[in-house]
Amino acid sequence: MAITNAFLFIGGLGGTEVILILFAILLLFGAKRIPELARGLGKGIREFKDATKEIKSDIENSVKDDSTTK
């Protein structure tokens, strides 16, 4: 329930609010740190996608193996 409310809050943000949030992030972390943070976030997302693809292929392979043995 709380997660749904958080998503509703994010959906209600306008352009001005987003700009203010980005400005606050810029002030907190500085211009030099933001690209490093973005790179780290990108690597994390890429690793997550690779792991999900690997799990999906493992499941598909096990289903194929089960269907061929029967």
PDB file of N, CA and C in Angstrom:
ATOM      1  N   MET A   1       0.826  -1.189   0.000  1.00  0.00           N
ATOM      2  CA  MET A   1       0.000   0.000   0.000  1.00  0.00           C
ATOM      3  C   MET A   1       0.874   1.258   0.000  1.00  0.00           C
ATOM      4  N   ALA A   2       1.918   1.258   0.812  1.00  0.00           N
ATOM      5  CA  ALA A   2       2.784   2.428   0.897  1.00  0.00           C
ATOM      6  C   ALA A   2       3.557   2.628  -0.396  1.00  0.00           C
ATOM      7  N   ILE A   3       3.925   1.521  -1.050  1.00  0.00           N
ATOM      8  CA  ILE A   3       4.660   1.626  -2.309  1.00  0.00           C
ATOM      9  C   ILE A   3       3.770   2.258  -3.371  1.00  0.00           C
ATOM     10  N   THR A   4       2.514   1.873  -3.402  1.00  0.00           N
ATOM     11  CA  THR A   4       1.575   2.449  -4.368  1.00  0.00           C
ATOM     12  C   THR A   4       1.444   3.947  -4.145  1.00  0.00           C
ATOM     13  N   ASN A   5       1.373   4.355  -2.895  1.00  0.00           N
ATOM     14  CA  ASN A   5       1.271   5.778  -2.595  1.00  0.00           C
ATOM     15  C   ASN A   5       2.530   6.522  -3.024  1.00  0.00           C
ATOM     16  N   ALA A   6       3.685   5.896  -2.907  1.00  0.00           N
ATOM     17  CA  ALA A   6       4.925   6.544  -3.332  1.00  0.00           C
ATOM     18  C   ALA A   6       4.918   6.749  -4.836  1.00  0.00           C
ATOM     19  N   PHE A   7       4.443   5.744  -5.585  1.00  0.00           N
ATOM     20  CA  PHE A   7       4.388   5.886  -7.033  1.00  0.00           C
ATOM     21  C   PHE A   7       3.382   6.954  -7.448  1.00  0.00           C
ATOM     22  N   LEU A   8       2.286   7.068  -6.711  1.00  0.00           N
ATOM     23  CA  LEU A   8       1.318   8.110  -7.017  1.00  0.00           C
ATOM     24  C   LEU A   8       1.933   9.489  -6.793  1.00  0.00           C
ATOM     25  N   PHE A   9       2.757   9.604  -5.761  1.00  0.00           N
ATOM     26  CA  PHE A   9       3.421  10.876  -5.494  1.00  0.00           C
ATOM     27  C   PHE A   9       4.373  11.230  -6.626  1.00  0.00           C
ATOM     28  N   ILE A  10       5.131  10.255  -7.098  1.00  0.00           N
ATOM     29  CA  ILE A  10       6.083  10.512  -8.178  1.00  0.00           C
ATOM     30  C   ILE A  10       5.340  10.908  -9.453  1.00  0.00           C
ATOM     31  N   GLY A  11       4.215  10.288  -9.721  1.00  0.00           N
ATOM     32  CA  GLY A  11       3.441  10.603 -10.908  1.00  0.00           C
ATOM     33  C   GLY A  11       2.848  11.994 -10.871  1.00  0.00           C
ATOM     34  N   GLY A  12       2.687  12.559  -9.682  1.00  0.00           N
ATOM     35  CA  GLY A  12       2.095  13.877  -9.540  1.00  0.00           C
ATOM     36  C   GLY A  12       3.096  15.018  -9.606  1.00  0.00           C
ATOM     37  N   LEU A  13       4.371  14.710  -9.843  1.00  0.00           N
ATOM     38  CA  LEU A  13       5.381  15.757  -9.919  1.00  0.00           C
ATOM     39  C   LEU A  13       5.273  16.492 -11.242  1.00  0.00           C
ATOM     40  N   GLY A  14       5.370  17.798 -11.158  1.00  0.00           N
ATOM     41  CA  GLY A  14       5.368  18.617 -12.359  1.00  0.00           C
ATOM     42  C   GLY A  14       6.783  18.969 -12.766  1.00  0.00           C
ATOM     43  N   GLY A  15       6.899  19.766 -13.800  1.00  0.00           N
ATOM     44  CA  GLY A  15       8.206  20.156 -14.308  1.00  0.00           C
ATOM     45  C   GLY A  15       9.025  20.956 -13.321  1.00  0.00           C
ATOM     46  N   THR A  16       8.361  21.865 -12.617  1.00  0.00           N
ATOM     47  CA  THR A  16       9.065  22.708 -11.650  1.00  0.00           C
ATOM     48  C   THR A  16       9.616  21.876 -10.505  1.00  0.00           C
ATOM     49  N   GLU A  17       8.841  20.921 -10.023  1.00  0.00           N
ATOM     50  CA  GLU A  17       9.296  20.084  -8.922  1.00  0.00           C
ATOM     51  C   GLU A  17      10.496  19.230  -9.325  1.00  0.00           C
ATOM     52  N   VAL A  18      10.449  18.708 -10.543  1.00  0.00           N
ATOM     53  CA  VAL A  18      11.565  17.889 -11.023  1.00  0.00           C
ATOM     54  C   VAL A  18      12.821  18.736 -11.132  1.00  0.00           C
ATOM     55  N   ILE A  19      12.699  19.938 -11.637  1.00  0.00           N
ATOM     56  CA  ILE A  19      13.860  20.835 -11.761  1.00  0.00           C
ATOM     57  C   ILE A  19      14.421  21.167 -10.387  1.00  0.00           C
ATOM     58  N   LEU A  20      13.560  21.414  -9.413  1.00  0.00           N
ATOM     59  CA  LEU A  20      14.035  21.703  -8.057  1.00  0.00           C
ATOM     60  C   LEU A  20      14.748  20.504  -7.441  1.00  0.00           C
ATOM     61  N   ILE A  21      14.236  19.309  -7.675  1.00  0.00           N
ATOM     62  CA  ILE A  21      14.885  18.113  -7.150  1.00  0.00           C
ATOM     63  C   ILE A  21      16.253  17.921  -7.796  1.00  0.00           C
ATOM     64  N   LEU A  22      16.324  18.095  -9.110  1.00  0.00           N
ATOM     65  CA  LEU A  22      17.615  17.971  -9.804  1.00  0.00           C
ATOM     66  C   LEU A  22      18.606  19.027  -9.334  1.00  0.00           C
ATOM     67  N   PHE A  23      18.134  20.218  -9.070  1.00  0.00           N
ATOM     68  CA  PHE A  23      19.000  21.282  -8.560  1.00  0.00           C
ATOM     69  C   PHE A  23      19.517  20.927  -7.167  1.00  0.00           C
ATOM     70  N   ALA A  24      18.660  20.367  -6.325  1.00  0.00           N
ATOM     71  CA  ALA A  24      19.084  19.957  -4.980  1.00  0.00           C
ATOM     72  C   ALA A  24      20.126  18.846  -5.060  1.00  0.00           C
ATOM     73  N   ILE A  25      19.946  17.910  -5.976  1.00  0.00           N
ATOM     74  CA  ILE A  25      20.935  16.842  -6.156  1.00  0.00           C
ATOM     75  C   ILE A  25      22.258  17.426  -6.620  1.00  0.00           C
ATOM     76  N   LEU A  26      22.197  18.391  -7.519  1.00  0.00           N
ATOM     77  CA  LEU A  26      23.418  19.041  -8.003  1.00  0.00           C
ATOM     78  C   LEU A  26      24.136  19.744  -6.860  1.00  0.00           C
ATOM     79  N   LEU A  27      23.392  20.408  -5.996  1.00  0.00           N
ATOM     80  CA  LEU A  27      24.012  21.083  -4.859  1.00  0.00           C
ATOM     81  C   LEU A  27      24.611  20.100  -3.860  1.00  0.00           C
ATOM     82  N   LEU A  28      23.926  18.990  -3.628  1.00  0.00           N
ATOM     83  CA  LEU A  28      24.399  18.023  -2.643  1.00  0.00           C
ATOM     84  C   LEU A  28      25.638  17.272  -3.109  1.00  0.00           C
ATOM     85  N   PHE A  29      25.654  16.822  -4.352  1.00  0.00           N
ATOM     86  CA  PHE A  29      26.731  15.971  -4.814  1.00  0.00           C
ATOM     87  C   PHE A  29      27.786  16.697  -5.634  1.00  0.00           C
ATOM     88  N   GLY A  30      27.455  17.811  -6.222  1.00  0.00           N
ATOM     89  CA  GLY A  30      28.410  18.529  -7.044  1.00  0.00           C
ATOM     90  C   GLY A  30      28.427  18.008  -8.466  1.00  0.00           C
ATOM     91  N   ALA A  31      28.880  18.841  -9.365  1.00  0.00           N
ATOM     92  CA  ALA A  31      28.853  18.510 -10.788  1.00  0.00           C
ATOM     93  C   ALA A  31      29.822  17.383 -11.135  1.00  0.00           C
ATOM     94  N   LYS A  32      30.910  17.248 -10.398  1.00  0.00           N
ATOM     95  CA  LYS A  32      31.894  16.213 -10.711  1.00  0.00           C
ATOM     96  C   LYS A  32      31.427  14.830 -10.293  1.00  0.00           C
ATOM     97  N   ARG A  33      30.627  14.740  -9.248  1.00  0.00           N
ATOM     98  CA  ARG A  33      30.206  13.432  -8.728  1.00  0.00           C
ATOM     99  C   ARG A  33      29.004  12.857  -9.465  1.00  0.00           C
ATOM    100  N   ILE A  34      28.199  13.679 -10.090  1.00  0.00           N
ATOM    101  CA  ILE A  34      26.973  13.201 -10.735  1.00  0.00           C
ATOM    102  C   ILE A  34      27.269  12.197 -11.866  1.00  0.00           C
ATOM    103  N   PRO A  35      28.250  12.451 -12.753  1.00  0.00           N
ATOM    104  CA  PRO A  35      28.542  11.429 -13.778  1.00  0.00           C
ATOM    105  C   PRO A  35      29.005  10.101 -13.175  1.00  0.00           C
ATOM    106  N   GLU A  36      29.766  10.157 -12.078  1.00  0.00           N
ATOM    107  CA  GLU A  36      30.194   8.928 -11.413  1.00  0.00           C
ATOM    108  C   GLU A  36      28.989   8.172 -10.868  1.00  0.00           C
ATOM    109  N   LEU A  37      28.068   8.889 -10.270  1.00  0.00           N
ATOM    110  CA  LEU A  37      26.867   8.255  -9.735  1.00  0.00           C
ATOM    111  C   LEU A  37      26.028   7.644 -10.858  1.00  0.00           C
ATOM    112  N   ALA A  38      25.919   8.359 -11.966  1.00  0.00           N
ATOM    113  CA  ALA A  38      25.141   7.853 -13.094  1.00  0.00           C
ATOM    114  C   ALA A  38      25.788   6.606 -13.687  1.00  0.00           C
ATOM    115  N   ARG A  39      27.122   6.596 -13.784  1.00  0.00           N
ATOM    116  CA  ARG A  39      27.825   5.418 -14.295  1.00  0.00           C
ATOM    117  C   ARG A  39      27.604   4.216 -13.388  1.00  0.00           C
ATOM    118  N   GLY A  40      27.697   4.431 -12.093  1.00  0.00           N
ATOM    119  CA  GLY A  40      27.464   3.343 -11.145  1.00  0.00           C
ATOM    120  C   GLY A  40      26.047   2.813 -11.226  1.00  0.00           C
ATOM    121  N   LEU A  41      25.088   3.715 -11.375  1.00  0.00           N
ATOM    122  CA  LEU A  41      23.695   3.308 -11.507  1.00  0.00           C
ATOM    123  C   LEU A  41      23.494   2.521 -12.801  1.00  0.00           C
ATOM    124  N   GLY A  42      24.107   2.971 -13.876  1.00  0.00           N
ATOM    125  CA  GLY A  42      24.004   2.274 -15.152  1.00  0.00           C
ATOM    126  C   GLY A  42      24.608   0.877 -15.092  1.00  0.00           C
ATOM    127  N   LYS A  43      25.761   0.743 -14.433  1.00  0.00           N
ATOM    128  CA  LYS A  43      26.381  -0.570 -14.293  1.00  0.00           C
ATOM    129  C   LYS A  43      25.493  -1.497 -13.474  1.00  0.00           C
ATOM    130  N   GLY A  44      24.902  -0.973 -12.426  1.00  0.00           N
ATOM    131  CA  GLY A  44      24.017  -1.785 -11.594  1.00  0.00           C
ATOM    132  C   GLY A  44      22.800  -2.261 -12.368  1.00  0.00           C
ATOM    133  N   ILE A  45      22.213  -1.387 -13.158  1.00  0.00           N
ATOM    134  CA  ILE A  45      21.044  -1.761 -13.960  1.00  0.00           C
ATOM    135  C   ILE A  45      21.439  -2.795 -15.010  1.00  0.00           C
ATOM    136  N   ARG A  46      22.597  -2.604 -15.643  1.00  0.00           N
ATOM    137  CA  ARG A  46      23.060  -3.553 -16.656  1.00  0.00           C
ATOM    138  C   ARG A  46      23.297  -4.933 -16.038  1.00  0.00           C
ATOM    139  N   GLU A  47      23.924  -4.996 -14.864  1.00  0.00           N
ATOM    140  CA  GLU A  47      24.155  -6.276 -14.203  1.00  0.00           C
ATOM    141  C   GLU A  47      22.836  -6.947 -13.837  1.00  0.00           C
ATOM    142  N   PHE A  48      21.868  -6.165 -13.401  1.00  0.00           N
ATOM    143  CA  PHE A  48      20.556  -6.710 -13.058  1.00  0.00           C
ATOM    144  C   PHE A  48      19.884  -7.299 -14.292  1.00  0.00           C
ATOM    145  N   LYS A  49      19.934  -6.581 -15.413  1.00  0.00           N
ATOM    146  CA  LYS A  49      19.334  -7.088 -16.656  1.00  0.00           C
ATOM    147  C   LYS A  49      20.027  -8.359 -17.112  1.00  0.00           C
ATOM    148  N   ASP A  50      21.354  -8.385 -17.026  1.00  0.00           N
ATOM    149  CA  ASP A  50      22.096  -9.589 -17.427  1.00  0.00           C
ATOM    150  C   ASP A  50      21.718 -10.776 -16.549  1.00  0.00           C
ATOM    151  N   ALA A  51      21.580 -10.536 -15.263  1.00  0.00           N
ATOM    152  CA  ALA A  51      21.210 -11.620 -14.348  1.00  0.00           C
ATOM    153  C   ALA A  51      19.804 -12.128 -14.646  1.00  0.00           C
ATOM    154  N   THR A  52      18.875 -11.234 -14.938  1.00  0.00           N
ATOM    155  CA  THR A  52      17.514 -11.680 -15.242  1.00  0.00           C
ATOM    156  C   THR A  52      17.469 -12.452 -16.559  1.00  0.00           C
ATOM    157  N   LYS A  53      18.267 -12.023 -17.546  1.00  0.00           N
ATOM    158  CA  LYS A  53      18.330 -12.762 -18.816  1.00  0.00           C
ATOM    159  C   LYS A  53      18.910 -14.157 -18.594  1.00  0.00           C
ATOM    160  N   GLU A  54      19.925 -14.254 -17.753  1.00  0.00           N
ATOM    161  CA  GLU A  54      20.539 -15.546 -17.468  1.00  0.00           C
ATOM    162  C   GLU A  54      19.556 -16.479 -16.765  1.00  0.00           C
ATOM    163  N   ILE A  55      18.831 -15.959 -15.807  1.00  0.00           N
ATOM    164  CA  ILE A  55      17.839 -16.768 -15.094  1.00  0.00           C
ATOM    165  C   ILE A  55      16.743 -17.209 -16.052  1.00  0.00           C
ATOM    166  N   LYS A  56      16.299 -16.310 -16.906  1.00  0.00           N
ATOM    167  CA  LYS A  56      15.252 -16.654 -17.873  1.00  0.00           C
ATOM    168  C   LYS A  56      15.727 -17.748 -18.820  1.00  0.00           C
ATOM    169  N   SER A  57      16.956 -17.641 -19.313  1.00  0.00           N
ATOM    170  CA  SER A  57      17.467 -18.668 -20.226  1.00  0.00           C
ATOM    171  C   SER A  57      17.653 -19.997 -19.501  1.00  0.00           C
ATOM    172  N   ASP A  58      18.069 -19.985 -18.240  1.00  0.00           N
ATOM    173  CA  ASP A  58      18.187 -21.220 -17.469  1.00  0.00           C
ATOM    174  C   ASP A  58      16.839 -21.904 -17.313  1.00  0.00           C
ATOM    175  N   ILE A  59      15.810 -21.119 -17.033  1.00  0.00           N
ATOM    176  CA  ILE A  59      14.463 -21.678 -16.885  1.00  0.00           C
ATOM    177  C   ILE A  59      13.981 -22.251 -18.210  1.00  0.00           C
ATOM    178  N   GLU A  60      14.190 -21.506 -19.301  1.00  0.00           N
ATOM    179  CA  GLU A  60      13.769 -22.000 -20.613  1.00  0.00           C
ATOM    180  C   GLU A  60      14.508 -23.275 -20.987  1.00  0.00           C
ATOM    181  N   ASN A  61      15.806 -23.345 -20.691  1.00  0.00           N
ATOM    182  CA  ASN A  61      16.580 -24.547 -20.999  1.00  0.00           C
ATOM    183  C   ASN A  61      16.105 -25.741 -20.173  1.00  0.00           C
ATOM    184  N   SER A  62      15.771 -25.511 -18.918  1.00  0.00           N
ATOM    185  CA  SER A  62      15.297 -26.619 -18.090  1.00  0.00           C
ATOM    186  C   SER A  62      13.932 -27.101 -18.559  1.00  0.00           C
ATOM    187  N   VAL A  63      13.087 -26.200 -19.036  1.00  0.00           N
ATOM    188  CA  VAL A  63      11.783 -26.598 -19.567  1.00  0.00           C
ATOM    189  C   VAL A  63      11.980 -27.404 -20.852  1.00  0.00           C
ATOM    190  N   LYS A  64      12.899 -26.968 -21.717  1.00  0.00           N
ATOM    191  CA  LYS A  64      13.179 -27.707 -22.949  1.00  0.00           C
ATOM    192  C   LYS A  64      13.726 -29.100 -22.632  1.00  0.00           C
ATOM    193  N   ASP A  65      14.627 -29.189 -21.648  1.00  0.00           N
ATOM    194  CA  ASP A  65      15.191 -30.479 -21.280  1.00  0.00           C
ATOM    195  C   ASP A  65      14.116 -31.421 -20.728  1.00  0.00           C
ATOM    196  N   ASP A  66      13.214 -30.889 -19.937  1.00  0.00           N
ATOM    197  CA  ASP A  66      12.137 -31.703 -19.376  1.00  0.00           C
ATOM    198  C   ASP A  66      11.190 -32.189 -20.459  1.00  0.00           C
ATOM    199  N   SER A  67      10.899 -31.348 -21.437  1.00  0.00           N
ATOM    200  CA  SER A  67       9.963 -31.737 -22.497  1.00  0.00           C
ATOM    201  C   SER A  67      10.573 -32.733 -23.465  1.00  0.00           C
ATOM    202  N   THR A  68      11.898 -32.701 -23.658  1.00  0.00           N
ATOM    203  CA  THR A  68      12.536 -33.642 -24.580  1.00  0.00           C
ATOM    204  C   THR A  68      12.752 -35.008 -23.934  1.00  0.00           C
ATOM    205  N   THR A  69      12.854 -35.054 -22.610  1.00  0.00           N
ATOM    206  CA  THR A  69      13.063 -36.336 -21.940  1.00  0.00           C
ATOM    207  C   THR A  69      11.781 -37.129 -21.783  1.00  0.00           C
ATOM    208  N   LYS A  70      10.637 -36.499 -21.921  1.00  0.00           N
ATOM    209  CA  LYS A  70       9.348 -37.198 -21.746  1.00  0.00           C
ATOM    210  C   LYS A  70       8.881 -37.826 -22.992  1.00  0.00           C
TER     211      LYS A  70
END
